[in-house]
N, C-alpha and C. Protein backbone atom coordinates (compact mmCIF):
# COMPACT_ATOMS: atom_id res chain seq x y z
N UNK A 1 0.87 30.84 9.52
CA UNK A 1 -0.35 30.14 10.24
C UNK A 1 -0.69 29.51 11.37
N UNK A 2 -1.76 29.79 11.84
CA UNK A 2 -2.03 29.74 13.09
C UNK A 2 -3.34 28.98 13.23
N UNK A 3 -3.08 26.68 13.11
CA UNK A 3 -4.65 27.15 13.08
C UNK A 3 -4.99 26.25 15.26
N UNK A 4 -6.04 26.16 15.63
CA UNK A 4 -5.96 26.14 16.70
C UNK A 4 -6.85 24.53 17.13
N UNK A 5 -6.41 23.83 17.42
CA UNK A 5 -6.92 22.09 17.52
C UNK A 5 -7.46 22.02 19.13
N UNK A 6 -8.90 22.17 19.05
CA UNK A 6 -9.35 21.80 20.58
C UNK A 6 -8.87 20.35 20.89
N UNK A 7 -9.71 19.76 21.76
CA UNK A 7 -8.79 18.38 22.70
C UNK A 7 -10.02 17.70 22.66
N UNK A 8 -11.16 17.96 21.69
CA UNK A 8 -12.19 16.91 21.10
C UNK A 8 -11.25 16.22 19.96
N UNK A 9 -11.60 15.03 19.35
CA UNK A 9 -11.48 14.29 18.48
C UNK A 9 -12.92 13.56 17.48
N UNK A 10 -12.79 13.78 16.19
CA UNK A 10 -13.19 13.12 15.04
C UNK A 10 -13.68 11.62 14.74
N UNK A 11 -14.11 10.66 15.46
CA UNK A 11 -13.77 9.47 14.59
C UNK A 11 -14.19 9.12 13.17
N UNK A 12 -13.03 8.99 12.54
CA UNK A 12 -12.73 9.00 10.99
C UNK A 12 -13.26 7.40 10.54
N UNK A 13 -14.66 6.61 10.20
CA UNK A 13 -14.62 5.63 9.95
C UNK A 13 -14.17 4.65 8.40
N UNK A 14 -13.34 3.97 8.69
CA UNK A 14 -13.12 2.66 7.48
C UNK A 14 -13.94 2.01 6.72
N UNK A 15 -13.37 1.36 5.94
CA UNK A 15 -14.15 1.09 5.09
C UNK A 15 -15.24 -0.07 5.05
N UNK A 16 -14.74 -0.39 6.82
CA UNK A 16 -15.66 -1.48 7.13
C UNK A 16 -17.41 -1.10 8.33
N UNK A 17 -17.22 0.56 7.96
CA UNK A 17 -17.94 1.23 9.13
C UNK A 17 -16.70 0.86 10.28
N UNK A 18 -15.81 0.40 9.97
CA UNK A 18 -15.18 0.77 11.75
C UNK A 18 -14.17 1.73 11.98
N UNK A 19 -14.34 2.22 13.38
CA UNK A 19 -13.70 3.44 13.77
C UNK A 19 -12.21 3.32 12.69
N UNK A 20 -11.31 4.19 11.90
CA UNK A 20 -10.07 3.89 11.47
C UNK A 20 -8.89 4.47 12.27
N UNK A 21 -9.15 6.40 12.40
CA UNK A 21 -8.57 7.27 12.85
C UNK A 21 -9.07 8.21 13.29
N UNK A 22 -9.31 9.06 13.96
CA UNK A 22 -9.40 10.19 14.61
C UNK A 22 -8.73 11.56 13.74
N UNK A 23 -9.29 12.25 13.99
CA UNK A 23 -9.12 13.47 13.23
C UNK A 23 -8.88 14.18 14.53
N UNK A 24 -8.32 15.73 13.96
CA UNK A 24 -8.20 16.05 15.34
C UNK A 24 -9.76 17.32 15.27
N UNK A 25 -10.53 18.25 16.19
CA UNK A 25 -11.30 19.09 16.29
C UNK A 25 -10.75 20.68 15.99
N UNK A 26 -10.47 21.12 14.34
CA UNK A 26 -10.78 22.20 14.38
C UNK A 26 -10.92 23.36 14.67
N UNK A 27 -10.23 24.60 15.50
CA UNK A 27 -11.56 25.49 15.73
C UNK A 27 -10.81 26.29 15.20
N UNK A 28 -10.16 26.86 14.80
CA UNK A 28 -9.94 28.40 14.13
C UNK A 28 -8.69 28.23 13.54
N UNK A 29 -8.30 28.80 12.24
CA UNK A 29 -7.25 28.83 11.27
C UNK A 29 -7.56 30.04 10.78
N UNK A 30 -5.44 30.76 11.20
CA UNK A 30 -6.16 31.95 10.83
C UNK A 30 -4.29 32.77 10.30
N UNK A 31 -4.39 32.82 8.51
CA UNK A 31 -2.69 32.97 8.26
C UNK A 31 -2.42 34.94 8.18
N UNK A 32 -1.28 34.99 8.87
CA UNK A 32 -0.97 36.27 9.62
C UNK A 32 0.36 36.89 8.51
N UNK A 33 0.35 38.08 8.77
CA UNK A 33 1.80 38.94 7.27
C UNK A 33 2.92 38.81 9.15
N UNK A 34 3.75 38.64 8.66
CA UNK A 34 5.03 38.82 9.59
C UNK A 34 4.98 39.67 10.77
N UNK A 35 4.27 40.48 10.88
CA UNK A 35 3.58 41.12 12.35
C UNK A 35 2.55 41.15 12.73
N UNK A 36 2.07 40.22 12.04
CA UNK A 36 0.61 39.31 13.32
C UNK A 36 -1.20 40.73 12.52
N UNK A 37 -0.70 41.18 11.50
CA UNK A 37 -2.21 41.51 10.89
C UNK A 37 -2.69 40.46 9.69
N UNK A 38 -3.98 40.06 9.95
CA UNK A 38 -4.37 38.92 9.41
C UNK A 38 -4.20 39.35 8.46
N UNK A 39 -4.21 37.82 6.78
CA UNK A 39 -4.42 38.73 5.71
C UNK A 39 -5.88 38.47 5.64
N UNK A 40 -6.48 39.15 4.27
CA UNK A 40 -7.74 39.35 4.08
C UNK A 40 -8.19 38.16 3.27
N UNK A 41 -10.17 37.81 4.05
CA UNK A 41 -9.79 36.24 3.68
C UNK A 41 -9.44 35.25 3.34
N UNK A 42 -8.67 34.56 4.77
CA UNK A 42 -7.37 33.54 5.07
C UNK A 42 -7.70 33.93 6.65
N UNK A 43 -9.47 33.24 6.55
CA UNK A 43 -9.56 32.91 7.91
C UNK A 43 -10.89 31.93 8.29
N UNK A 44 -10.12 30.75 9.00
CA UNK A 44 -12.08 30.07 9.00
C UNK A 44 -12.13 29.97 10.86
N UNK A 45 -13.42 29.84 11.04
CA UNK A 45 -13.90 29.37 12.11
C UNK A 45 -15.09 28.47 12.38
N UNK A 46 -14.63 27.58 13.54
CA UNK A 46 -15.96 26.82 13.34
C UNK A 46 -16.90 27.14 14.56
N UNK A 47 -17.08 28.65 14.75
CA UNK A 47 -17.91 29.13 15.86
C UNK A 47 -17.84 29.32 16.77
N UNK A 48 -18.07 29.83 17.70
CA UNK A 48 -18.13 29.99 18.88
C UNK A 48 -17.33 30.89 19.84
N UNK A 49 -17.03 31.96 19.07
CA UNK A 49 -16.55 32.93 19.00
C UNK A 49 -14.88 32.56 19.70
N UNK A 50 -13.57 32.20 19.18
CA UNK A 50 -13.06 31.60 19.46
C UNK A 50 -11.40 33.06 19.89
N UNK A 51 -11.41 33.55 20.98
CA UNK A 51 -10.98 34.60 21.17
C UNK A 51 -9.37 35.06 20.97
N UNK A 52 -8.76 34.22 20.79
CA UNK A 52 -7.25 34.33 20.59
C UNK A 52 -6.70 34.75 19.42
N UNK A 53 -5.84 34.72 18.82
CA UNK A 53 -5.59 35.57 17.58
C UNK A 53 -3.35 35.12 17.36
N UNK A 54 -2.40 36.20 16.97
CA UNK A 54 -1.76 36.34 16.78
C UNK A 54 -1.07 35.83 18.03
N UNK A 55 0.14 34.62 17.68
CA UNK A 55 0.97 34.33 18.96
C UNK A 55 0.35 34.09 20.51
N UNK A 56 -0.70 34.05 20.14
CA UNK A 56 -1.65 33.21 21.06
C UNK A 56 -2.32 33.64 21.70
N UNK A 57 -1.99 34.94 21.46
CA UNK A 57 -2.34 35.91 22.57
C UNK A 57 -3.99 36.54 22.56
N UNK A 58 -4.63 37.25 23.38
CA UNK A 58 -5.95 36.75 23.77
C UNK A 58 -6.34 38.93 22.33
N UNK A 59 -7.86 38.66 21.52
CA UNK A 59 -7.61 39.83 20.82
C UNK A 59 -8.60 40.67 21.59
N UNK A 60 -8.42 42.00 21.04
CA UNK A 60 -9.36 43.09 22.28
C UNK A 60 -9.98 43.08 20.67
N UNK A 61 -11.36 43.38 20.52
CA UNK A 61 -12.06 43.55 18.69
C UNK A 61 -12.71 44.51 19.25
N UNK A 62 -13.50 45.20 20.60
CA UNK A 62 -14.06 45.87 20.91
C UNK A 62 -13.73 47.54 20.33
N UNK A 63 -12.53 47.86 20.16
CA UNK A 63 -12.44 49.31 19.29
C UNK A 63 -11.56 49.10 18.70
N UNK A 64 -11.00 48.02 17.91
CA UNK A 64 -9.66 48.95 16.67
C UNK A 64 -10.50 47.51 15.72
N UNK A 65 -11.82 46.79 15.67
CA UNK A 65 -11.62 45.97 14.67
C UNK A 65 -11.23 43.97 15.03
N UNK A 66 -11.46 43.34 14.50
CA UNK A 66 -11.39 42.16 14.31
C UNK A 66 -10.33 41.52 14.86
N UNK A 67 -9.32 41.74 15.14
CA UNK A 67 -7.33 41.18 15.38
C UNK A 67 -7.15 42.39 14.90
N UNK A 68 -7.07 43.47 15.58
CA UNK A 68 -6.65 44.55 15.13
C UNK A 68 -5.75 45.32 16.45
N UNK A 69 -6.05 44.55 17.34
CA UNK A 69 -5.44 44.74 18.78
C UNK A 69 -5.69 42.93 19.58
N UNK A 70 -4.00 43.22 19.98
CA UNK A 70 -4.43 41.94 21.23
C UNK A 70 -3.51 42.43 22.46
N UNK A 71 -3.67 41.67 22.57
CA UNK A 71 -3.19 41.81 24.62
C UNK A 71 -2.03 40.38 24.83
N UNK A 72 -1.34 41.49 24.86
CA UNK A 72 0.22 40.49 25.29
C UNK A 72 0.76 40.55 27.15
N UNK A 73 -0.35 40.66 26.95
CA UNK A 73 0.26 41.10 29.02
C UNK A 73 0.69 41.93 29.39
N UNK A 74 1.97 42.24 29.17
CA UNK A 74 2.36 43.67 29.63
C UNK A 74 1.70 44.63 29.05
N UNK A 75 2.14 44.68 27.78
CA UNK A 75 1.39 46.44 26.61
C UNK A 75 0.18 45.67 25.71
N UNK A 76 -0.56 46.66 24.85
CA UNK A 76 -1.51 46.17 24.16
C UNK A 76 -0.31 46.86 22.59
N UNK A 77 -1.20 45.42 21.54
CA UNK A 77 -0.01 45.62 20.53
C UNK A 77 -0.95 46.10 19.60
N UNK A 78 -0.40 46.67 18.39
CA UNK A 78 -1.07 47.15 16.73
C UNK A 78 -1.12 45.72 16.02
N UNK A 79 -1.19 44.83 15.78
CA UNK A 79 -0.24 44.35 14.64
C UNK A 79 0.23 45.20 13.05
N UNK A 80 -1.71 45.92 12.62
CA UNK A 80 -1.51 46.44 11.34
C UNK A 80 0.06 47.39 11.56
N UNK A 81 0.62 47.54 12.28
CA UNK A 81 2.14 49.21 12.31
C UNK A 81 2.99 48.22 12.89
N UNK A 82 2.91 47.26 13.16
CA UNK A 82 3.75 46.67 13.98
C UNK A 82 4.54 46.84 15.32
N UNK A 83 3.67 47.27 15.95
CA UNK A 83 3.91 48.48 16.83
C UNK A 83 3.17 48.25 18.55
N UNK A 84 4.10 48.04 19.58
CA UNK A 84 3.46 48.20 20.74
C UNK A 84 2.77 49.36 21.55
N UNK A 85 1.35 49.73 21.88
CA UNK A 85 0.98 51.35 22.26
C UNK A 85 1.43 52.09 23.07
N UNK A 86 2.25 50.99 24.17
CA UNK A 86 2.65 52.11 25.86
C UNK A 86 4.77 50.98 25.24
N UNK A 87 5.20 51.92 26.33
CA UNK A 87 6.80 52.42 26.86
C UNK A 87 6.57 50.85 26.95
N UNK A 88 7.55 49.90 26.61
CA UNK A 88 8.55 48.57 26.98
C UNK A 88 8.95 48.94 28.78
N UNK A 89 8.13 48.06 29.24
CA UNK A 89 8.48 48.08 31.05
C UNK A 89 9.74 48.41 30.60
N UNK A 90 11.04 47.17 30.18
CA UNK A 90 11.99 46.77 30.65
C UNK A 90 12.59 48.74 29.58
N UNK A 91 12.39 49.25 29.10
CA UNK A 91 12.79 50.31 28.28
C UNK A 91 14.64 50.36 28.83
N UNK A 92 14.66 50.25 30.24
CA UNK A 92 15.86 50.95 30.75
C UNK A 92 17.47 49.70 30.31
N UNK A 93 16.58 48.32 29.81
CA UNK A 93 17.76 47.91 29.36
C UNK A 93 17.84 47.57 27.96
N UNK A 94 17.07 48.00 27.65
CA UNK A 94 17.49 48.33 25.64
C UNK A 94 17.53 49.49 25.25
N UNK A 95 18.89 50.17 25.80
CA UNK A 95 18.76 51.40 25.66
C UNK A 95 19.11 52.21 23.68
N UNK A 96 18.87 52.64 23.54
CA UNK A 96 19.22 53.08 21.61
C UNK A 96 18.36 52.14 20.90
N UNK A 97 16.76 50.98 21.04
CA UNK A 97 16.44 50.04 20.73
C UNK A 97 14.86 51.04 20.94
N UNK A 98 14.41 51.33 19.74
CA UNK A 98 12.78 51.66 19.55
C UNK A 98 11.60 50.96 20.49
N UNK A 99 11.82 51.72 21.65
CA UNK A 99 11.00 50.89 22.69
C UNK A 99 9.38 50.23 22.45
N UNK A 100 8.63 50.44 21.15
CA UNK A 100 7.77 50.02 20.76
C UNK A 100 7.52 48.84 20.00
N UNK A 101 8.42 48.86 19.56
CA UNK A 101 9.03 47.89 18.33
C UNK A 101 8.14 46.38 19.09
N UNK A 102 7.57 45.34 18.40
CA UNK A 102 7.44 43.97 18.44
C UNK A 102 9.26 43.24 17.93
N UNK A 103 9.29 42.82 19.07
CA UNK A 103 10.51 41.73 18.24
C UNK A 103 11.59 42.55 17.71
N UNK A 104 11.84 43.49 18.04
CA UNK A 104 12.94 44.11 17.84
C UNK A 104 12.84 44.14 15.91
N UNK A 105 11.76 44.54 15.55
CA UNK A 105 11.90 44.64 14.04
C UNK A 105 11.68 43.99 13.38
N UNK A 106 12.16 41.96 13.50
CA UNK A 106 12.48 41.19 13.39
C UNK A 106 11.92 39.76 14.37
N UNK A 107 10.18 40.08 13.24
CA UNK A 107 9.62 39.11 13.80
C UNK A 107 9.75 37.72 12.17
N UNK A 108 10.62 37.25 12.06
CA UNK A 108 11.37 35.74 11.08
C UNK A 108 11.54 35.55 12.04
N UNK A 109 12.48 36.29 13.05
CA UNK A 109 13.54 35.24 13.22
C UNK A 109 13.29 35.40 15.31
N UNK A 110 12.57 36.81 15.88
CA UNK A 110 12.79 36.23 16.77
C UNK A 110 10.73 36.52 17.43
N UNK A 111 10.49 36.13 18.59
CA UNK A 111 9.46 36.58 19.47
C UNK A 111 9.32 37.18 20.51
N UNK A 112 7.87 37.64 20.68
CA UNK A 112 7.49 38.66 21.91
C UNK A 112 6.67 37.87 22.76
N UNK A 113 6.89 36.97 24.19
CA UNK A 113 5.98 36.11 24.69
C UNK A 113 5.72 37.17 25.58
N UNK A 114 5.47 38.57 26.08
CA UNK A 114 4.67 38.86 27.03
C UNK A 114 4.62 40.14 26.78
N UNK A 115 4.92 40.83 25.90
CA UNK A 115 5.35 42.33 25.44
C UNK A 115 6.22 43.33 26.17
N UNK A 116 7.03 42.27 26.52
CA UNK A 116 8.49 42.55 27.42
C UNK A 116 9.73 43.24 27.04
N UNK A 117 10.30 41.86 26.55
CA UNK A 117 11.26 41.94 25.50
C UNK A 117 11.35 41.15 24.81
N UNK A 118 12.39 40.86 23.62
CA UNK A 118 12.13 39.85 22.63
C UNK A 118 12.49 38.21 23.03
N UNK A 119 12.56 37.46 22.15
CA UNK A 119 13.00 36.05 22.76
C UNK A 119 13.19 35.29 21.38
N UNK A 120 14.54 34.66 21.71
CA UNK A 120 14.89 33.91 20.21
C UNK A 120 14.50 32.69 20.55
N UNK A 121 13.74 32.52 19.12
CA UNK A 121 12.71 30.36 19.39
C UNK A 121 14.24 29.59 19.35
N UNK A 122 14.87 30.25 18.74
CA UNK A 122 16.12 29.00 18.31
C UNK A 122 17.02 28.39 19.58
N UNK A 123 16.89 29.05 20.99
CA UNK A 123 17.79 29.46 21.98
C UNK A 123 16.84 28.88 22.80
N UNK A 124 16.93 27.28 23.95
CA UNK A 124 17.08 27.01 24.81
C UNK A 124 17.55 26.87 25.92
N UNK A 125 17.45 27.52 27.03
CA UNK A 125 18.30 27.90 28.15
C UNK A 125 18.40 26.08 28.49
N UNK A 126 18.98 25.97 29.51
CA UNK A 126 19.86 24.17 29.64
C UNK A 126 19.59 24.39 31.10
N UNK A 127 20.31 23.56 31.87
CA UNK A 127 20.19 22.99 33.70
C UNK A 127 20.83 24.70 33.85
N UNK A 128 22.13 25.22 33.53
CA UNK A 128 23.03 26.56 33.81
C UNK A 128 22.54 27.69 32.18
N UNK A 129 21.95 27.40 32.28
CA UNK A 129 21.58 28.78 31.15
C UNK A 129 21.89 28.34 29.82
N UNK A 130 22.71 27.37 29.27
CA UNK A 130 23.09 27.41 28.39
C UNK A 130 22.43 26.80 26.95
N UNK A 131 22.29 27.16 26.31
CA UNK A 131 21.82 27.13 25.20
C UNK A 131 22.06 26.55 24.02
N UNK A 132 21.74 25.50 24.93
CA UNK A 132 22.10 23.49 24.28
C UNK A 132 21.46 23.05 22.70
N UNK A 133 19.40 23.26 23.01
CA UNK A 133 18.86 22.92 21.79
C UNK A 133 19.28 23.63 20.15
N UNK A 134 19.36 25.28 20.72
CA UNK A 134 19.80 25.83 19.65
C UNK A 134 21.42 25.12 18.94
N UNK A 135 22.13 25.58 19.94
CA UNK A 135 23.77 24.73 19.73
C UNK A 135 23.41 23.43 18.88
N UNK A 136 23.48 22.80 19.13
CA UNK A 136 23.00 21.29 18.76
C UNK A 136 22.44 21.21 17.64
N UNK A 137 21.57 22.17 16.74
CA UNK A 137 20.90 22.13 16.52
C UNK A 137 21.59 22.66 15.47
N UNK A 138 22.31 23.78 15.51
CA UNK A 138 23.27 24.39 14.22
C UNK A 138 24.54 23.65 14.11
N UNK A 139 25.05 22.56 15.44
CA UNK A 139 25.94 21.83 14.55
C UNK A 139 25.34 20.46 13.97
N UNK A 140 24.06 20.62 13.84
CA UNK A 140 23.27 19.40 13.34
C UNK A 140 23.55 19.76 11.24
N UNK A 141 23.42 21.28 11.32
CA UNK A 141 22.76 21.35 9.69
C UNK A 141 23.18 22.82 9.56
N UNK A 142 23.39 23.80 10.40
CA UNK A 142 23.60 25.20 9.82
C UNK A 142 25.46 25.30 10.19
N UNK A 143 25.98 24.78 10.60
CA UNK A 143 27.41 24.78 10.89
C UNK A 143 27.57 23.58 9.53
N UNK A 144 27.25 23.03 9.35
CA UNK A 144 27.32 22.28 8.38
C UNK A 144 28.07 23.35 6.91
N UNK A 145 26.98 23.87 6.92
CA UNK A 145 27.21 25.37 5.88
C UNK A 145 27.24 26.47 6.16
N UNK A 146 28.08 26.45 7.36
CA UNK A 146 28.89 27.78 7.20
C UNK A 146 27.35 29.32 7.76
N UNK A 147 26.01 28.66 7.38
CA UNK A 147 25.26 29.47 8.02
C UNK A 147 25.36 31.12 8.68
N UNK A 148 25.36 29.94 10.09
CA UNK A 148 25.34 30.61 11.62
C UNK A 148 26.51 29.99 12.70
N UNK A 149 27.68 29.80 11.13
CA UNK A 149 29.00 29.14 11.85
C UNK A 149 29.44 30.88 12.90
N UNK A 150 29.08 32.35 12.82
CA UNK A 150 30.05 32.93 13.52
C UNK A 150 29.33 33.34 14.62
N UNK A 151 27.58 32.98 14.71
CA UNK A 151 27.01 32.97 15.49
C UNK A 151 26.55 31.56 16.79
N UNK A 152 27.66 30.84 16.38
CA UNK A 152 27.49 29.98 17.61
C UNK A 152 29.00 29.40 17.73
N UNK A 153 29.66 29.94 17.48
CA UNK A 153 31.06 29.24 17.31
C UNK A 153 31.99 28.83 18.61
N UNK A 154 32.37 29.70 18.98
CA UNK A 154 33.28 29.70 20.24
C UNK A 154 32.56 29.84 21.58
N UNK A 155 31.44 30.68 21.64
CA UNK A 155 30.19 30.70 22.56
C UNK A 155 29.15 29.64 22.77
N UNK A 156 29.02 28.95 21.88
CA UNK A 156 28.43 27.81 21.65
C UNK A 156 28.85 26.69 21.81
N UNK A 157 29.81 26.47 20.79
CA UNK A 157 30.73 25.56 22.00
C UNK A 157 30.69 25.01 23.14
N UNK A 158 31.97 26.44 23.49
CA UNK A 158 31.67 25.72 24.71
C UNK A 158 30.55 26.20 26.37
N UNK A 159 29.40 26.16 25.48
CA UNK A 159 28.10 26.41 26.59
C UNK A 159 28.00 24.64 26.14
N UNK A 160 27.87 23.89 24.60
CA UNK A 160 27.79 23.08 25.27
C UNK A 160 28.20 22.07 25.22
N UNK A 161 29.95 22.21 25.43
CA UNK A 161 30.53 21.07 26.33
C UNK A 161 30.35 21.25 27.18
N UNK A 162 29.82 22.22 28.02
CA UNK A 162 29.81 22.21 29.73
C UNK A 162 28.48 21.65 30.10
N UNK A 163 27.19 21.76 28.94
CA UNK A 163 26.16 20.73 29.68
C UNK A 163 25.91 20.12 29.02
N UNK A 164 26.91 19.19 28.10
CA UNK A 164 27.72 17.21 28.07
C UNK A 164 28.20 17.29 29.45
N UNK A 165 28.90 17.77 29.56
CA UNK A 165 29.47 17.87 31.21
C UNK A 165 28.21 17.12 32.31
N UNK A 166 28.15 18.50 32.71
CA UNK A 166 26.58 18.66 33.88
C UNK A 166 25.70 16.85 33.46
N UNK A 167 25.30 17.07 32.41
CA UNK A 167 24.32 15.47 31.78
C UNK A 167 25.00 14.37 32.21
N UNK A 168 26.36 14.74 32.10
CA UNK A 168 27.08 13.22 32.84
C UNK A 168 27.36 13.15 33.69
N UNK A 169 27.64 13.75 34.38
CA UNK A 169 27.33 13.93 35.96
C UNK A 169 26.39 13.61 36.53
N UNK A 170 24.90 14.17 36.02
CA UNK A 170 23.93 13.95 36.46
C UNK A 170 23.67 12.15 36.35
N UNK A 171 24.05 12.12 35.17
CA UNK A 171 23.34 10.44 34.51
C UNK A 171 25.27 9.74 35.41
N UNK A 172 25.38 10.18 36.13
CA UNK A 172 26.06 8.82 37.69
C UNK A 172 27.19 9.05 36.05
N UNK A 173 27.87 9.47 35.91
CA UNK A 173 28.80 9.24 35.17
C UNK A 173 29.17 8.94 33.37
N UNK A 174 27.89 8.26 33.08
CA UNK A 174 28.11 7.51 32.01
C UNK A 174 27.34 8.80 31.28
N UNK A 175 28.05 8.80 29.91
CA UNK A 175 27.05 9.48 28.73
C UNK A 175 26.55 8.82 27.44
N UNK A 176 25.25 9.70 27.46
CA UNK A 176 24.30 9.47 26.50
C UNK A 176 25.35 9.25 25.45
N UNK A 177 24.56 7.90 24.48
CA UNK A 177 24.85 7.93 23.10
C UNK A 177 24.96 9.44 22.49
N UNK A 178 23.57 10.32 22.02
CA UNK A 178 23.70 11.19 21.67
C UNK A 178 24.44 12.39 22.19
N UNK A 179 24.83 12.51 22.99
CA UNK A 179 25.86 12.92 23.85
C UNK A 179 27.39 13.20 23.07
N UNK A 180 27.42 11.66 23.13
CA UNK A 180 28.52 10.93 22.79
C UNK A 180 28.83 11.67 21.36
N UNK A 181 27.73 11.47 20.47
CA UNK A 181 27.83 11.88 18.79
C UNK A 181 27.94 13.48 18.95
N UNK A 182 27.47 14.00 19.71
CA UNK A 182 27.02 15.90 19.95
C UNK A 182 28.61 16.52 20.34
N UNK A 183 29.50 15.71 21.38
CA UNK A 183 30.50 16.26 21.55
C UNK A 183 31.56 15.68 20.70
N UNK A 184 31.40 14.16 19.63
CA UNK A 184 32.36 14.83 18.65
C UNK A 184 31.76 15.64 17.26
N UNK A 185 31.03 16.07 16.87
CA UNK A 185 31.24 17.31 16.23
C UNK A 185 31.69 17.94 17.12
N UNK A 186 31.26 18.35 17.71
CA UNK A 186 31.92 19.89 18.72
C UNK A 186 33.50 19.41 18.25
N UNK A 187 34.03 18.46 18.62
CA UNK A 187 35.56 18.25 18.59
C UNK A 187 36.09 18.29 16.61
N UNK A 188 34.68 18.26 15.63
CA UNK A 188 35.24 17.77 14.26
C UNK A 188 34.60 19.69 14.11
N UNK A 189 34.04 20.21 14.72
CA UNK A 189 34.09 21.61 14.69
C UNK A 189 35.29 23.30 15.14
N UNK A 190 35.47 22.40 16.74
CA UNK A 190 36.81 23.00 17.15
C UNK A 190 37.78 23.25 16.46
N UNK A 191 38.02 22.15 15.68
CA UNK A 191 39.08 21.59 14.40
C UNK A 191 39.12 22.51 13.50
N UNK A 192 38.15 22.66 13.07
CA UNK A 192 38.04 23.77 11.32
C UNK A 192 37.97 24.93 11.57
N UNK A 193 37.70 25.54 13.39
CA UNK A 193 38.12 26.58 13.63
C UNK A 193 39.58 26.62 13.67
N UNK A 194 39.89 25.88 14.34
CA UNK A 194 40.96 26.32 14.33
C UNK A 194 42.09 26.19 13.00
N UNK A 195 41.34 25.78 11.55
CA UNK A 195 42.20 25.12 10.47
C UNK A 195 41.88 27.04 10.07
N UNK A 196 40.37 27.33 10.14
CA UNK A 196 39.92 28.82 9.58
C UNK A 196 41.13 29.78 10.51
N UNK A 197 41.39 29.89 11.63
CA UNK A 197 41.93 30.82 12.44
C UNK A 197 43.02 31.14 11.70
N UNK A 198 43.97 29.95 11.67
CA UNK A 198 45.60 29.57 11.23
C UNK A 198 45.35 29.81 9.41
N UNK A 199 44.35 29.81 8.70
CA UNK A 199 44.59 30.94 7.25
C UNK A 199 44.37 32.16 7.63
N UNK A 200 43.39 32.13 8.50
CA UNK A 200 43.57 34.14 8.77
C UNK A 200 44.59 34.90 9.37
N UNK A 201 45.38 34.31 9.67
CA UNK A 201 47.19 34.89 10.31
C UNK A 201 47.78 34.65 9.66
N UNK A 202 47.42 33.77 8.29
CA UNK A 202 48.54 33.30 7.62
C UNK A 202 48.55 34.86 7.13
N UNK A 203 47.30 34.94 6.91
CA UNK A 203 46.72 36.03 5.66
C UNK A 203 47.57 37.73 5.93
């Protein structure tokens, strides 16, 4: 679902006639299928012709009807078929991949910000390009149950350790409490990786 909220606010009166709180001014709301096609009967608008749709991209309703063509900047996208209508400008970077597909055909996991290449919302780059936020999330939850362990273990832990080191240096050598906790999780996870590798070698 994509809900668009305006910058205005609506005062809500309490029991004594005084303003109790404010509510957001909802401009529009739509439900979408994974590749961005609007669900029939699942659209609401306050009027005024709000022109943006799936992923906040501008609708081009003149040719194919409402919500059936979106301008991603680099290319035009048709959410009904889950395909861009022109070749990926970065197609040489991705040989062997359909250059018309949206987010590598993984719309639940990946996004496409501007029509050029897919992006992973779980990966947020740190100051030196490390993937700190995603790794911290994985350490905090997913790695504990082993769901994303293979994806993040070695590369993610090393990158996170370096990011903490850089953060500590930038903070006059003082480590933040949350970094201390994360570092402890790294050590625990590295120990678990070592034990698991020992077991594999024994087999």
